[in-house]
Amino acid sequence: MGSPRLIRGRRRIFSGARRSPHRFVAVFAIALAALLAGCSLQETPAQRAERIEPMLAAAGFHMLPADTPERLTETQRLTPLKLRYYIDNGQPHYWFNDPVNCHCVYIGSEKNYQQYEQIRLNQQAASQEAEAAQMNEEAAQQEQMNMMLWPGPFIMY
């Protein structure tokens, strides 16, 4: 008595099927392309600093340069390129360390932080509006191209 038909079928599938090396290369190439595309969208530390510092200055944050060896050592110890806060006499004080661009620390109060958040939200909304306008423009151009390629209504004689 032989093995059941289902098991024979499985054995044939597993033993007889060989994967093509071209398929592996194609899958690897697609994965590598996706990884590189994701990395190119990432913001570099210098770009992050260049984007945030003008907003901090506009919000009233004060820049303290790391112009002495002690201050330079302190900036290396602090969390880089993130807006942080500490409490002093019950009041929050905010700071942003930039060891990449200006080698400085921006310091601000609660009022400065609220202004920064408002500026950041306004810029984010403006960026989203510009992106939506760009997408609408591209869609209109695509529709125009489609209309040019379409033969139009059929005329019957």
C-alpha atoms as a PDB file:
ATOM      1  CA  MET A   1       0.000   0.000   0.000  1.00  0.00           C
ATOM      2  CA  GLY A   2       1.458   3.350  -1.016  1.00  0.00           C
ATOM      3  CA  SER A   3       1.368   6.661   0.734  1.00  0.00           C
ATOM      4  CA  PRO A   4      -1.848   8.663   0.591  1.00  0.00           C
ATOM      5  CA  ARG A   5      -2.328  10.806  -2.495  1.00  0.00           C
ATOM      6  CA  LEU A   6      -2.079  14.111  -0.579  1.00  0.00           C
ATOM      7  CA  ILE A   7       1.344  13.304   0.833  1.00  0.00           C
ATOM      8  CA  ARG A   8       2.601  12.124  -2.576  1.00  0.00           C
ATOM      9  CA  GLY A   9       1.484  15.440  -4.028  1.00  0.00           C
ATOM     10  CA  ARG A  10       3.340  17.382  -1.361  1.00  0.00           C
ATOM     11  CA  ARG A  11       6.468  15.378  -1.844  1.00  0.00           C
ATOM     12  CA  ARG A  12       6.349  16.109  -5.540  1.00  0.00           C
ATOM     13  CA  ILE A  13       5.878  19.833  -4.908  1.00  0.00           C
ATOM     14  CA  PHE A  14       8.729  20.070  -2.416  1.00  0.00           C
ATOM     15  CA  SER A  15      11.202  17.794  -4.165  1.00  0.00           C
ATOM     16  CA  GLY A  16      10.496  18.771  -7.757  1.00  0.00           C
ATOM     17  CA  ALA A  17      10.313  22.545  -7.494  1.00  0.00           C
ATOM     18  CA  ARG A  18      13.542  24.490  -7.845  1.00  0.00           C
ATOM     19  CA  ARG A  19      13.576  28.226  -7.465  1.00  0.00           C
ATOM     20  CA  SER A  20      15.014  30.298 -10.223  1.00  0.00           C
ATOM     21  CA  PRO A  21      18.108  32.342  -9.244  1.00  0.00           C
ATOM     22  CA  HIS A  22      16.762  35.182 -11.394  1.00  0.00           C
ATOM     23  CA  ARG A  23      13.715  35.442  -9.169  1.00  0.00           C
ATOM     24  CA  PHE A  24      15.913  35.867  -6.095  1.00  0.00           C
ATOM     25  CA  VAL A  25      17.974  38.568  -7.804  1.00  0.00           C
ATOM     26  CA  ALA A  26      14.808  40.428  -8.835  1.00  0.00           C
ATOM     27  CA  VAL A  27      13.362  40.305  -5.321  1.00  0.00           C
ATOM     28  CA  PHE A  28      16.700  41.436  -3.866  1.00  0.00           C
ATOM     29  CA  ALA A  29      16.916  44.343  -6.341  1.00  0.00           C
ATOM     30  CA  ILE A  30      13.391  45.507  -5.481  1.00  0.00           C
ATOM     31  CA  ALA A  31      14.116  45.321  -1.735  1.00  0.00           C
ATOM     32  CA  LEU A  32      17.361  47.264  -2.179  1.00  0.00           C
ATOM     33  CA  ALA A  33      15.607  49.944  -4.247  1.00  0.00           C
ATOM     34  CA  ALA A  34      12.904  50.317  -1.584  1.00  0.00           C
ATOM     35  CA  LEU A  35      15.538  50.623   1.138  1.00  0.00           C
ATOM     36  CA  LEU A  36      17.471  53.278  -0.758  1.00  0.00           C
ATOM     37  CA  ALA A  37      14.298  55.218  -1.528  1.00  0.00           C
ATOM     38  CA  GLY A  38      13.389  55.222   2.168  1.00  0.00           C
ATOM     39  CA  CYS A  39      16.865  56.391   3.153  1.00  0.00           C
ATOM     40  CA  SER A  40      16.846  59.243   0.658  1.00  0.00           C
ATOM     41  CA  LEU A  41      13.668  60.606   2.241  1.00  0.00           C
ATOM     42  CA  GLN A  42      15.310  60.782   5.666  1.00  0.00           C
ATOM     43  CA  GLU A  43      16.388  64.197   6.874  1.00  0.00           C
ATOM     44  CA  THR A  44      20.085  64.579   7.690  1.00  0.00           C
ATOM     45  CA  PRO A  45      21.120  66.162  11.015  1.00  0.00           C
ATOM     46  CA  ALA A  46      22.357  69.274   9.208  1.00  0.00           C
ATOM     47  CA  GLN A  47      19.047  69.594   7.327  1.00  0.00           C
ATOM     48  CA  ARG A  48      17.103  69.175  10.576  1.00  0.00           C
ATOM     49  CA  ALA A  49      19.122  71.914  12.265  1.00  0.00           C
ATOM     50  CA  GLU A  50      18.723  74.221   9.253  1.00  0.00           C
ATOM     51  CA  ARG A  51      14.963  73.649   9.302  1.00  0.00           C
ATOM     52  CA  ILE A  52      14.386  74.122  13.050  1.00  0.00           C
ATOM     53  CA  GLU A  53      16.832  76.903  13.998  1.00  0.00           C
ATOM     54  CA  PRO A  54      15.118  79.709  12.029  1.00  0.00           C
ATOM     55  CA  MET A  55      11.800  78.820  13.672  1.00  0.00           C
ATOM     56  CA  LEU A  56      13.407  78.900  17.129  1.00  0.00           C
ATOM     57  CA  ALA A  57      15.010  82.284  16.430  1.00  0.00           C
ATOM     58  CA  ALA A  58      11.722  83.670  15.096  1.00  0.00           C
ATOM     59  CA  ALA A  59       9.935  82.424  18.236  1.00  0.00           C
ATOM     60  CA  GLY A  60      12.343  84.351  20.481  1.00  0.00           C
ATOM     61  CA  PHE A  61      14.715  81.596  21.610  1.00  0.00           C
ATOM     62  CA  HIS A  62      18.174  82.889  22.548  1.00  0.00           C
ATOM     63  CA  MET A  63      21.277  81.328  21.030  1.00  0.00           C
ATOM     64  CA  LEU A  64      24.136  80.499  23.380  1.00  0.00           C
ATOM     65  CA  PRO A  65      27.241  79.687  21.324  1.00  0.00           C
ATOM     66  CA  ALA A  66      29.618  76.959  22.471  1.00  0.00           C
ATOM     67  CA  ASP A  67      32.585  79.319  22.294  1.00  0.00           C
ATOM     68  CA  THR A  68      34.570  77.933  25.228  1.00  0.00           C
ATOM     69  CA  PRO A  69      35.973  74.429  25.746  1.00  0.00           C
ATOM     70  CA  GLU A  70      33.599  73.926  28.696  1.00  0.00           C
ATOM     71  CA  ARG A  71      30.522  74.864  26.656  1.00  0.00           C
ATOM     72  CA  LEU A  72      31.682  72.717  23.746  1.00  0.00           C
ATOM     73  CA  THR A  73      32.042  69.744  26.108  1.00  0.00           C
ATOM     74  CA  GLU A  74      28.572  70.468  27.487  1.00  0.00           C
ATOM     75  CA  THR A  75      27.011  70.463  24.007  1.00  0.00           C
ATOM     76  CA  GLN A  76      28.560  67.047  23.358  1.00  0.00           C
ATOM     77  CA  ARG A  77      26.871  65.734  26.516  1.00  0.00           C
ATOM     78  CA  LEU A  78      23.377  67.078  25.729  1.00  0.00           C
ATOM     79  CA  THR A  79      20.793  65.381  23.499  1.00  0.00           C
ATOM     80  CA  PRO A  80      21.387  66.705  19.962  1.00  0.00           C
ATOM     81  CA  LEU A  81      18.770  68.219  17.660  1.00  0.00           C
ATOM     82  CA  LYS A  82      15.729  67.617  19.874  1.00  0.00           C
ATOM     83  CA  LEU A  83      13.693  70.233  21.651  1.00  0.00           C
ATOM     84  CA  ARG A  84      13.830  69.395  25.372  1.00  0.00           C
ATOM     85  CA  TYR A  85      12.781  71.118  28.585  1.00  0.00           C
ATOM     86  CA  TYR A  86      13.645  71.354  32.250  1.00  0.00           C
ATOM     87  CA  ILE A  87      11.742  72.824  35.193  1.00  0.00           C
ATOM     88  CA  ASP A  88      13.263  75.736  37.110  1.00  0.00           C
ATOM     89  CA  ASN A  89      11.277  77.353  39.948  1.00  0.00           C
ATOM     90  CA  GLY A  90       8.132  75.636  38.702  1.00  0.00           C
ATOM     91  CA  GLN A  91       8.503  77.083  35.187  1.00  0.00           C
ATOM     92  CA  PRO A  92       9.445  75.059  32.115  1.00  0.00           C
ATOM     93  CA  HIS A  93      12.473  76.238  30.156  1.00  0.00           C
ATOM     94  CA  TYR A  94      13.124  74.790  26.713  1.00  0.00           C
ATOM     95  CA  TRP A  95      16.421  74.090  24.991  1.00  0.00           C
ATOM     96  CA  PHE A  96      17.625  72.810  21.636  1.00  0.00           C
ATOM     97  CA  ASN A  97      21.221  71.606  21.252  1.00  0.00           C
ATOM     98  CA  ASP A  98      22.890  71.907  17.850  1.00  0.00           C
ATOM     99  CA  PRO A  99      26.366  70.344  17.818  1.00  0.00           C
ATOM    100  CA  VAL A 100      26.199  70.023  14.007  1.00  0.00           C
ATOM    101  CA  ASN A 101      25.609  73.469  12.469  1.00  0.00           C
ATOM    102  CA  CYS A 102      26.110  76.354  14.856  1.00  0.00           C
ATOM    103  CA  HIS A 103      27.613  74.449  17.820  1.00  0.00           C
ATOM    104  CA  CYS A 104      25.200  76.250  20.097  1.00  0.00           C
ATOM    105  CA  VAL A 105      22.206  75.775  22.380  1.00  0.00           C
ATOM    106  CA  TYR A 106      18.934  77.647  21.922  1.00  0.00           C
ATOM    107  CA  ILE A 107      17.180  78.531  25.204  1.00  0.00           C
ATOM    108  CA  GLY A 108      13.574  79.704  25.536  1.00  0.00           C
ATOM    109  CA  SER A 109      10.630  80.129  27.891  1.00  0.00           C
ATOM    110  CA  GLU A 110       7.128  78.663  27.757  1.00  0.00           C
ATOM    111  CA  LYS A 111       6.003  81.696  25.749  1.00  0.00           C
ATOM    112  CA  ASN A 112       8.808  81.124  23.227  1.00  0.00           C
ATOM    113  CA  TYR A 113       7.868  77.453  22.983  1.00  0.00           C
ATOM    114  CA  GLN A 114       4.209  78.298  22.279  1.00  0.00           C
ATOM    115  CA  GLN A 115       5.311  80.707  19.536  1.00  0.00           C
ATOM    116  CA  TYR A 116       7.611  78.033  18.087  1.00  0.00           C
ATOM    117  CA  GLU A 117       4.748  75.503  18.010  1.00  0.00           C
ATOM    118  CA  GLN A 118       2.519  78.022  16.225  1.00  0.00           C
ATOM    119  CA  ILE A 119       5.231  78.733  13.631  1.00  0.00           C
ATOM    120  CA  ARG A 120       5.872  75.005  13.168  1.00  0.00           C
ATOM    121  CA  LEU A 121       2.171  74.247  12.668  1.00  0.00           C
ATOM    122  CA  ASN A 122       1.798  77.146  10.202  1.00  0.00           C
ATOM    123  CA  GLN A 123       4.778  75.901   8.182  1.00  0.00           C
ATOM    124  CA  GLN A 124       3.440  72.345   8.248  1.00  0.00           C
ATOM    125  CA  ALA A 125       0.028  73.526   6.980  1.00  0.00           C
ATOM    126  CA  ALA A 126       1.667  75.618   4.253  1.00  0.00           C
ATOM    127  CA  SER A 127       3.778  72.647   3.195  1.00  0.00           C
ATOM    128  CA  GLN A 128       0.729  70.385   3.026  1.00  0.00           C
ATOM    129  CA  GLU A 129      -1.172  72.985   0.988  1.00  0.00           C
ATOM    130  CA  ALA A 130       1.739  73.320  -1.438  1.00  0.00           C
ATOM    131  CA  GLU A 131       1.946  69.541  -1.776  1.00  0.00           C
ATOM    132  CA  ALA A 132      -1.802  69.307  -2.436  1.00  0.00           C
ATOM    133  CA  ALA A 133      -1.576  72.089  -5.034  1.00  0.00           C
ATOM    134  CA  GLN A 134       1.306  70.262  -6.737  1.00  0.00           C
ATOM    135  CA  MET A 135      -0.687  67.017  -6.806  1.00  0.00           C
ATOM    136  CA  ASN A 136      -3.724  68.851  -8.261  1.00  0.00           C
ATOM    137  CA  GLU A 137      -1.531  70.425 -10.937  1.00  0.00           C
ATOM    138  CA  GLU A 138      -0.041  67.050 -11.872  1.00  0.00           C
ATOM    139  CA  ALA A 139      -3.502  65.469 -12.008  1.00  0.00           C
ATOM    140  CA  ALA A 140      -4.766  68.267 -14.278  1.00  0.00           C
ATOM    141  CA  GLN A 141      -1.773  67.838 -16.576  1.00  0.00           C
ATOM    142  CA  GLN A 142      -2.317  64.082 -16.698  1.00  0.00           C
ATOM    143  CA  GLU A 143      -6.000  64.571 -17.502  1.00  0.00           C
ATOM    144  CA  GLN A 144      -5.089  66.994 -20.277  1.00  0.00           C
ATOM    145  CA  MET A 145      -2.640  64.463 -21.732  1.00  0.00           C
ATOM    146  CA  ASN A 146      -5.291  61.743 -21.566  1.00  0.00           C
ATOM    147  CA  MET A 147      -7.751  63.963 -23.436  1.00  0.00           C
ATOM    148  CA  MET A 148      -5.173  64.626 -26.167  1.00  0.00           C
ATOM    149  CA  LEU A 149      -4.563  60.908 -26.652  1.00  0.00           C
ATOM    150  CA  TRP A 150      -8.211  59.900 -26.635  1.00  0.00           C
ATOM    151  CA  PRO A 151      -9.622  59.694 -30.167  1.00  0.00           C
ATOM    152  CA  GLY A 152     -12.786  61.460 -29.163  1.00  0.00           C
ATOM    153  CA  PRO A 153     -16.375  60.572 -30.027  1.00  0.00           C
ATOM    154  CA  PHE A 154     -16.905  58.128 -32.820  1.00  0.00           C
ATOM    155  CA  ILE A 155     -18.465  59.741 -35.837  1.00  0.00           C
ATOM    156  CA  MET A 156     -20.783  57.554 -37.839  1.00  0.00           C
ATOM    157  CA  TYR A 157     -21.577  58.423 -41.404  1.00  0.00           C
END
